[in-house]
N, C-alpha and C. Protein backbone atom coordinates (compact mmCIF):
# COMPACT_ATOMS: atom_id res chain seq x y z
N MET A 1 17.52 -9.22 -18.42
CA MET A 1 17.42 -9.07 -16.97
C MET A 1 16.06 -8.91 -16.36
N VAL A 2 15.86 -9.57 -15.35
CA VAL A 2 14.59 -9.64 -14.43
C VAL A 2 14.53 -8.39 -13.65
N THR A 3 13.44 -7.74 -13.72
CA THR A 3 13.06 -6.57 -12.83
C THR A 3 12.35 -7.05 -11.62
N MET A 4 12.63 -6.70 -10.51
CA MET A 4 12.03 -6.76 -9.36
C MET A 4 10.74 -5.92 -9.30
N ALA A 5 9.49 -6.40 -8.75
CA ALA A 5 8.49 -5.64 -8.45
C ALA A 5 8.89 -4.61 -7.47
N ARG A 6 8.29 -3.64 -7.44
CA ARG A 6 8.42 -2.61 -6.40
C ARG A 6 7.33 -2.33 -5.42
N VAL A 7 7.62 -2.59 -4.38
CA VAL A 7 6.51 -2.37 -3.11
C VAL A 7 6.83 -1.29 -2.29
N MET A 8 5.88 -0.38 -2.04
CA MET A 8 6.05 0.72 -1.00
C MET A 8 5.15 0.32 0.27
N VAL A 9 5.65 0.39 1.42
CA VAL A 9 4.91 0.05 2.50
C VAL A 9 4.88 1.52 3.35
N VAL A 10 3.58 1.89 3.45
CA VAL A 10 3.27 3.08 4.29
C VAL A 10 2.46 2.92 5.46
N ASP A 11 3.13 3.09 6.48
CA ASP A 11 2.55 2.83 7.85
C ASP A 11 3.23 3.81 8.81
N ASP A 12 2.43 4.46 9.85
CA ASP A 12 3.16 5.32 10.80
C ASP A 12 3.65 4.45 12.03
N GLU A 13 3.45 3.18 12.19
CA GLU A 13 4.05 2.25 13.06
C GLU A 13 5.27 1.68 12.52
N GLU A 14 6.37 2.29 13.02
CA GLU A 14 7.80 2.04 12.45
C GLU A 14 7.93 0.38 12.46
N ASP A 15 7.69 -0.23 13.76
CA ASP A 15 7.90 -1.62 13.86
C ASP A 15 7.08 -2.51 12.68
N LEU A 16 5.99 -2.11 12.56
CA LEU A 16 5.20 -2.87 11.57
C LEU A 16 5.71 -2.43 10.14
N ARG A 17 6.06 -1.30 9.82
CA ARG A 17 6.54 -0.97 8.67
C ARG A 17 7.83 -1.72 8.24
N ASN A 18 8.73 -1.86 9.24
CA ASN A 18 9.97 -2.46 9.14
C ASN A 18 9.73 -4.06 8.93
N LEU A 19 8.66 -4.67 9.66
CA LEU A 19 8.45 -5.95 9.53
C LEU A 19 8.13 -6.27 8.27
N VAL A 20 7.11 -5.67 7.54
CA VAL A 20 6.54 -5.86 6.35
C VAL A 20 7.54 -5.57 5.22
N LYS A 21 8.35 -4.64 5.43
CA LYS A 21 9.34 -4.32 4.41
C LYS A 21 10.42 -5.49 4.50
N MET A 22 10.81 -6.08 5.56
CA MET A 22 11.73 -7.27 5.68
C MET A 22 11.14 -8.34 4.95
N VAL A 23 9.73 -8.71 5.16
CA VAL A 23 9.07 -9.84 4.55
C VAL A 23 9.03 -9.71 3.19
N MET A 24 8.85 -8.52 2.64
CA MET A 24 8.67 -8.18 1.23
C MET A 24 10.10 -8.31 0.54
N GLU A 25 11.04 -7.78 1.13
CA GLU A 25 12.35 -8.05 0.64
C GLU A 25 12.82 -9.58 0.53
N LYS A 26 12.38 -10.38 1.67
CA LYS A 26 12.80 -11.69 1.67
C LYS A 26 12.04 -12.41 0.46
N GLU A 27 10.86 -11.79 -0.02
CA GLU A 27 10.09 -12.31 -0.98
C GLU A 27 10.61 -11.98 -2.37
N GLY A 28 11.66 -11.14 -2.31
CA GLY A 28 12.32 -10.70 -3.70
C GLY A 28 11.82 -9.36 -4.23
N PHE A 29 11.18 -8.71 -3.46
CA PHE A 29 10.71 -7.28 -3.97
C PHE A 29 11.73 -6.28 -3.46
N GLU A 30 11.61 -5.20 -4.45
CA GLU A 30 12.36 -3.96 -3.87
C GLU A 30 11.41 -3.11 -3.24
N VAL A 31 11.78 -2.77 -2.12
CA VAL A 31 10.81 -2.14 -0.99
C VAL A 31 11.30 -0.82 -0.62
N GLU A 32 10.46 0.11 -0.52
CA GLU A 32 10.64 1.47 0.12
C GLU A 32 9.57 1.64 1.19
N GLY A 33 9.94 2.32 2.15
CA GLY A 33 9.04 2.54 3.30
C GLY A 33 8.74 4.02 3.43
N ALA A 34 7.59 4.30 3.88
CA ALA A 34 7.10 5.82 4.16
C ALA A 34 6.53 5.76 5.47
N GLU A 35 6.60 6.78 6.14
CA GLU A 35 6.05 6.93 7.59
C GLU A 35 4.69 7.48 7.64
N ASP A 36 4.21 8.27 6.66
CA ASP A 36 2.74 8.73 6.52
C ASP A 36 2.49 9.09 5.23
N GLY A 37 1.31 9.58 5.01
CA GLY A 37 0.72 10.04 3.70
C GLY A 37 1.55 10.95 3.13
N ASN A 38 2.21 12.14 3.70
CA ASN A 38 2.99 13.03 3.25
C ASN A 38 4.28 12.45 2.68
N ASP A 39 4.90 11.56 3.55
CA ASP A 39 6.21 11.06 3.12
C ASP A 39 6.04 10.28 1.94
N PHE A 40 4.86 9.52 1.85
CA PHE A 40 4.55 8.70 0.71
C PHE A 40 4.42 9.52 -0.54
N LEU A 41 3.66 10.62 -0.37
CA LEU A 41 3.41 11.46 -1.63
C LEU A 41 4.75 12.06 -2.13
N GLU A 42 5.69 12.40 -1.24
CA GLU A 42 6.89 12.98 -1.64
C GLU A 42 7.71 11.75 -2.38
N LYS A 43 7.64 10.59 -1.93
CA LYS A 43 8.65 9.56 -2.57
C LYS A 43 7.93 8.60 -3.70
N VAL A 44 6.61 8.75 -3.88
CA VAL A 44 6.05 7.97 -4.86
C VAL A 44 6.47 8.27 -6.21
N ASP A 45 6.77 9.42 -6.68
CA ASP A 45 7.14 9.65 -8.00
C ASP A 45 8.66 9.22 -8.35
N ARG A 46 9.52 9.24 -7.33
CA ARG A 46 10.82 8.95 -7.38
C ARG A 46 10.84 7.21 -7.57
N PHE A 47 10.08 6.66 -6.62
CA PHE A 47 10.16 5.11 -6.37
C PHE A 47 9.40 4.38 -7.40
N GLN A 48 8.25 4.88 -7.78
CA GLN A 48 7.31 4.39 -8.87
C GLN A 48 7.09 2.77 -8.43
N PRO A 49 6.33 2.71 -7.31
CA PRO A 49 6.04 1.40 -6.85
C PRO A 49 4.93 0.65 -7.86
N ASP A 50 5.05 -0.59 -7.96
CA ASP A 50 3.94 -1.39 -8.66
C ASP A 50 2.83 -1.57 -7.78
N ILE A 51 2.93 -1.75 -6.48
CA ILE A 51 2.01 -1.97 -5.57
C ILE A 51 2.33 -1.20 -4.25
N VAL A 52 1.26 -0.62 -3.44
CA VAL A 52 1.54 0.21 -2.22
C VAL A 52 0.63 -0.53 -1.19
N ILE A 53 1.23 -0.85 -0.01
CA ILE A 53 0.65 -1.45 1.15
C ILE A 53 0.32 -0.17 1.99
N LEU A 54 -0.90 0.31 1.88
CA LEU A 54 -1.15 1.72 2.67
C LEU A 54 -2.11 1.49 3.84
N ASP A 55 -1.46 2.01 5.12
CA ASP A 55 -2.21 2.13 6.22
C ASP A 55 -3.39 3.09 6.20
N VAL A 56 -4.42 2.79 6.78
CA VAL A 56 -5.62 3.72 6.49
C VAL A 56 -5.58 4.88 7.58
N MET A 57 -5.23 4.55 8.94
CA MET A 57 -5.24 5.45 9.99
C MET A 57 -3.81 6.01 10.30
N MET A 58 -3.61 7.09 9.71
CA MET A 58 -2.26 7.66 9.94
C MET A 58 -2.44 9.28 10.03
N PRO A 59 -1.40 9.84 10.74
CA PRO A 59 -1.17 11.38 10.80
C PRO A 59 -1.27 11.98 9.28
N GLY A 60 -1.73 12.99 9.00
CA GLY A 60 -1.57 13.71 7.69
C GLY A 60 -2.84 13.49 6.94
N PRO A 61 -2.66 13.53 5.64
CA PRO A 61 -3.85 13.39 4.68
C PRO A 61 -4.66 12.05 4.82
N SER A 62 -5.87 12.20 4.65
CA SER A 62 -6.76 10.95 4.69
C SER A 62 -6.48 10.00 3.59
N THR A 63 -6.95 8.81 3.69
CA THR A 63 -6.95 7.89 2.59
C THR A 63 -7.48 8.42 1.42
N LYS A 64 -8.56 9.00 1.51
CA LYS A 64 -9.33 9.63 0.27
C LYS A 64 -8.39 10.64 -0.37
N GLU A 65 -7.82 11.50 0.56
CA GLU A 65 -6.95 12.55 0.08
C GLU A 65 -5.80 11.91 -0.83
N ILE A 66 -5.18 10.97 -0.14
CA ILE A 66 -4.01 10.35 -0.75
C ILE A 66 -4.33 9.91 -2.17
N LEU A 67 -5.62 9.02 -2.17
CA LEU A 67 -6.07 8.49 -3.39
C LEU A 67 -6.23 9.44 -4.48
N GLN A 68 -6.98 10.61 -4.10
CA GLN A 68 -7.24 11.90 -4.92
C GLN A 68 -5.77 12.29 -5.53
N LYS A 69 -4.87 12.52 -4.64
CA LYS A 69 -3.70 13.08 -5.09
C LYS A 69 -2.89 12.18 -5.99
N LEU A 70 -2.90 10.84 -5.82
CA LEU A 70 -2.32 9.82 -6.66
C LEU A 70 -2.90 9.97 -7.99
N ARG A 71 -4.28 10.13 -8.05
CA ARG A 71 -5.05 10.19 -9.27
C ARG A 71 -4.60 11.44 -10.08
N GLU A 72 -4.37 12.44 -9.35
CA GLU A 72 -3.99 13.78 -10.13
C GLU A 72 -2.66 13.69 -10.65
N LYS A 73 -1.82 13.00 -9.90
CA LYS A 73 -0.34 12.77 -10.36
C LYS A 73 -0.29 11.81 -11.47
N GLY A 74 -1.38 11.15 -11.72
CA GLY A 74 -1.29 10.03 -12.81
C GLY A 74 -0.64 8.74 -12.37
N VAL A 75 -0.40 8.56 -11.05
CA VAL A 75 0.17 7.32 -10.43
C VAL A 75 -0.74 6.27 -10.54
N ASP A 76 -0.47 5.01 -11.31
CA ASP A 76 -1.48 3.91 -11.42
C ASP A 76 -0.96 2.66 -10.48
N SER A 77 -0.24 2.85 -9.43
CA SER A 77 0.20 1.76 -8.67
C SER A 77 -1.08 1.16 -7.95
N LYS A 78 -1.11 -0.18 -7.90
CA LYS A 78 -2.12 -0.84 -7.21
C LYS A 78 -2.01 -0.62 -5.79
N ILE A 79 -3.08 -0.57 -5.14
CA ILE A 79 -3.05 -0.43 -3.57
C ILE A 79 -3.90 -1.26 -2.79
N VAL A 80 -3.14 -1.87 -1.74
CA VAL A 80 -3.74 -2.83 -0.85
C VAL A 80 -3.81 -2.09 0.54
N LEU A 81 -5.00 -1.75 1.06
CA LEU A 81 -5.19 -1.08 2.37
C LEU A 81 -5.01 -1.92 3.69
N LEU A 82 -4.28 -1.49 4.57
CA LEU A 82 -4.33 -2.05 5.90
C LEU A 82 -4.95 -1.30 6.76
N THR A 83 -5.94 -1.89 7.63
CA THR A 83 -6.64 -1.30 8.50
C THR A 83 -7.22 -1.99 9.75
N VAL A 84 -7.35 -1.25 10.77
CA VAL A 84 -7.85 -1.89 12.08
C VAL A 84 -9.42 -1.70 11.79
N VAL A 85 -9.96 -0.89 10.97
CA VAL A 85 -11.25 -0.70 10.82
C VAL A 85 -11.90 -1.62 9.80
N ARG A 86 -12.90 -2.27 9.91
CA ARG A 86 -13.72 -3.21 9.11
C ARG A 86 -14.47 -2.39 8.16
N PHE A 87 -14.35 -2.47 6.85
CA PHE A 87 -15.07 -1.71 5.75
C PHE A 87 -16.25 -2.47 5.39
N SER A 88 -17.19 -1.70 5.20
CA SER A 88 -18.33 -2.53 4.40
C SER A 88 -18.02 -2.52 3.18
N SER A 89 -18.68 -3.29 2.38
CA SER A 89 -18.39 -3.56 0.88
C SER A 89 -18.69 -2.26 0.00
N GLU A 90 -19.71 -1.48 0.47
CA GLU A 90 -19.99 -0.22 0.01
C GLU A 90 -18.73 0.69 0.05
N GLU A 91 -18.14 0.82 1.29
CA GLU A 91 -17.06 1.62 1.48
C GLU A 91 -15.80 1.22 0.63
N ILE A 92 -15.61 -0.08 0.52
CA ILE A 92 -14.57 -0.60 -0.34
C ILE A 92 -14.74 -0.07 -1.65
N LYS A 93 -15.99 -0.33 -2.15
CA LYS A 93 -16.19 0.13 -3.53
C LYS A 93 -16.10 1.47 -3.89
N LYS A 94 -16.39 2.41 -2.91
CA LYS A 94 -16.13 3.68 -3.13
C LYS A 94 -14.79 4.08 -3.04
N LEU A 95 -13.93 3.36 -2.12
CA LEU A 95 -12.44 3.74 -2.29
C LEU A 95 -11.82 3.12 -3.59
N SER A 96 -12.30 2.12 -4.17
CA SER A 96 -11.79 1.43 -5.22
C SER A 96 -12.12 2.30 -6.47
N GLU A 97 -13.12 3.05 -6.51
CA GLU A 97 -13.55 3.98 -7.66
C GLU A 97 -12.57 5.08 -7.38
N MET A 98 -12.23 5.32 -6.35
CA MET A 98 -11.27 6.72 -6.10
C MET A 98 -9.90 6.49 -6.61
N GLY A 99 -9.40 5.31 -6.61
CA GLY A 99 -8.09 4.99 -7.00
C GLY A 99 -7.90 3.44 -7.39
N ASN A 100 -6.62 2.99 -7.34
CA ASN A 100 -6.41 1.69 -7.84
C ASN A 100 -6.43 0.73 -6.47
N VAL A 101 -7.50 0.85 -5.70
CA VAL A 101 -7.42 -0.09 -4.59
C VAL A 101 -7.93 -1.48 -4.82
N VAL A 102 -7.06 -2.28 -4.74
CA VAL A 102 -7.36 -3.81 -5.26
C VAL A 102 -7.61 -4.67 -4.13
N GLY A 103 -7.40 -4.29 -2.87
CA GLY A 103 -7.81 -5.12 -1.79
C GLY A 103 -7.68 -4.41 -0.46
N TYR A 104 -7.98 -5.13 0.56
CA TYR A 104 -7.61 -4.64 1.94
C TYR A 104 -7.56 -5.70 2.86
N MET A 105 -6.77 -5.58 3.98
CA MET A 105 -6.56 -6.45 5.13
C MET A 105 -6.73 -5.81 6.36
N THR A 106 -7.31 -6.42 7.23
CA THR A 106 -7.42 -6.02 8.66
C THR A 106 -6.24 -6.27 9.51
N LYS A 107 -5.78 -5.34 10.33
CA LYS A 107 -4.72 -5.63 11.33
C LYS A 107 -5.39 -6.22 12.63
N PRO A 108 -4.83 -7.23 13.37
CA PRO A 108 -3.60 -7.69 12.97
C PRO A 108 -3.83 -8.69 11.70
N PHE A 109 -2.78 -8.94 10.96
CA PHE A 109 -2.95 -9.59 9.80
C PHE A 109 -2.06 -10.75 9.76
N ASP A 110 -2.18 -11.81 9.02
CA ASP A 110 -1.38 -13.05 8.87
C ASP A 110 -0.29 -12.76 7.74
N ILE A 111 0.89 -12.78 8.19
CA ILE A 111 1.99 -12.61 7.18
C ILE A 111 1.94 -13.34 5.73
N PRO A 112 1.65 -14.71 5.90
CA PRO A 112 1.55 -15.37 4.58
C PRO A 112 0.32 -14.90 3.84
N GLU A 113 -0.64 -14.47 4.48
CA GLU A 113 -1.88 -14.08 3.82
C GLU A 113 -1.52 -12.74 2.99
N LEU A 114 -0.64 -11.82 3.75
CA LEU A 114 -0.29 -10.57 3.07
C LEU A 114 0.56 -10.71 1.97
N VAL A 115 1.62 -11.61 1.99
CA VAL A 115 2.36 -12.00 0.91
C VAL A 115 1.61 -12.68 -0.35
N SER A 116 0.71 -13.55 0.04
CA SER A 116 -0.27 -14.09 -0.98
C SER A 116 -1.18 -13.01 -1.77
N GLU A 117 -1.54 -11.92 -0.78
CA GLU A 117 -2.30 -10.84 -1.40
C GLU A 117 -1.48 -10.02 -2.44
N ILE A 118 -0.31 -9.69 -2.09
CA ILE A 118 0.53 -9.06 -2.87
C ILE A 118 1.06 -9.72 -3.88
N ASN A 119 1.29 -10.90 -3.91
CA ASN A 119 1.78 -11.73 -5.08
C ASN A 119 0.66 -11.72 -6.14
N LYS A 120 -0.56 -11.89 -5.68
CA LYS A 120 -1.85 -11.98 -6.44
C LYS A 120 -2.03 -10.75 -7.44
N HIS A 121 -1.70 -9.61 -6.86
CA HIS A 121 -1.95 -8.40 -7.62
C HIS A 121 -0.51 -7.95 -8.38
N ILE A 122 0.55 -8.46 -8.01
CA ILE A 122 1.73 -8.23 -8.72
C ILE A 122 1.73 -8.97 -10.02
N LYS A 123 1.16 -10.13 -10.05
CA LYS A 123 1.22 -11.06 -11.18
C LYS A 123 -0.12 -10.85 -11.94
N ALA A 124 -0.89 -10.07 -11.48
CA ALA A 124 -2.26 -9.81 -12.31
C ALA A 124 -2.08 -8.87 -13.39
């Protein structure tokens, strides 16, 4: 039996979350959505995603707080950040050290590029 990789899409913009969810499902992933950091932290243990697409600017806990809570819970899902903010290489390095951040993409993003980024880390 082949197991589908699990992807969790965390974004407070419902249209964007639903679009990414639909695209990832079309790619053959099992997908769960979360509307903010608190919703994500409530769902992550039950869903156990292989990779998380995490919006950086949302209501609730900051990205750093979310990464810290994931580490405390022992969650080892890979994380790709989505952001309207351009990070410096130093900021990315700091976030990567806090959790399993494997990449980031700026909004607006190219759908094929996002799919490629997710596939790259799922198969790694």
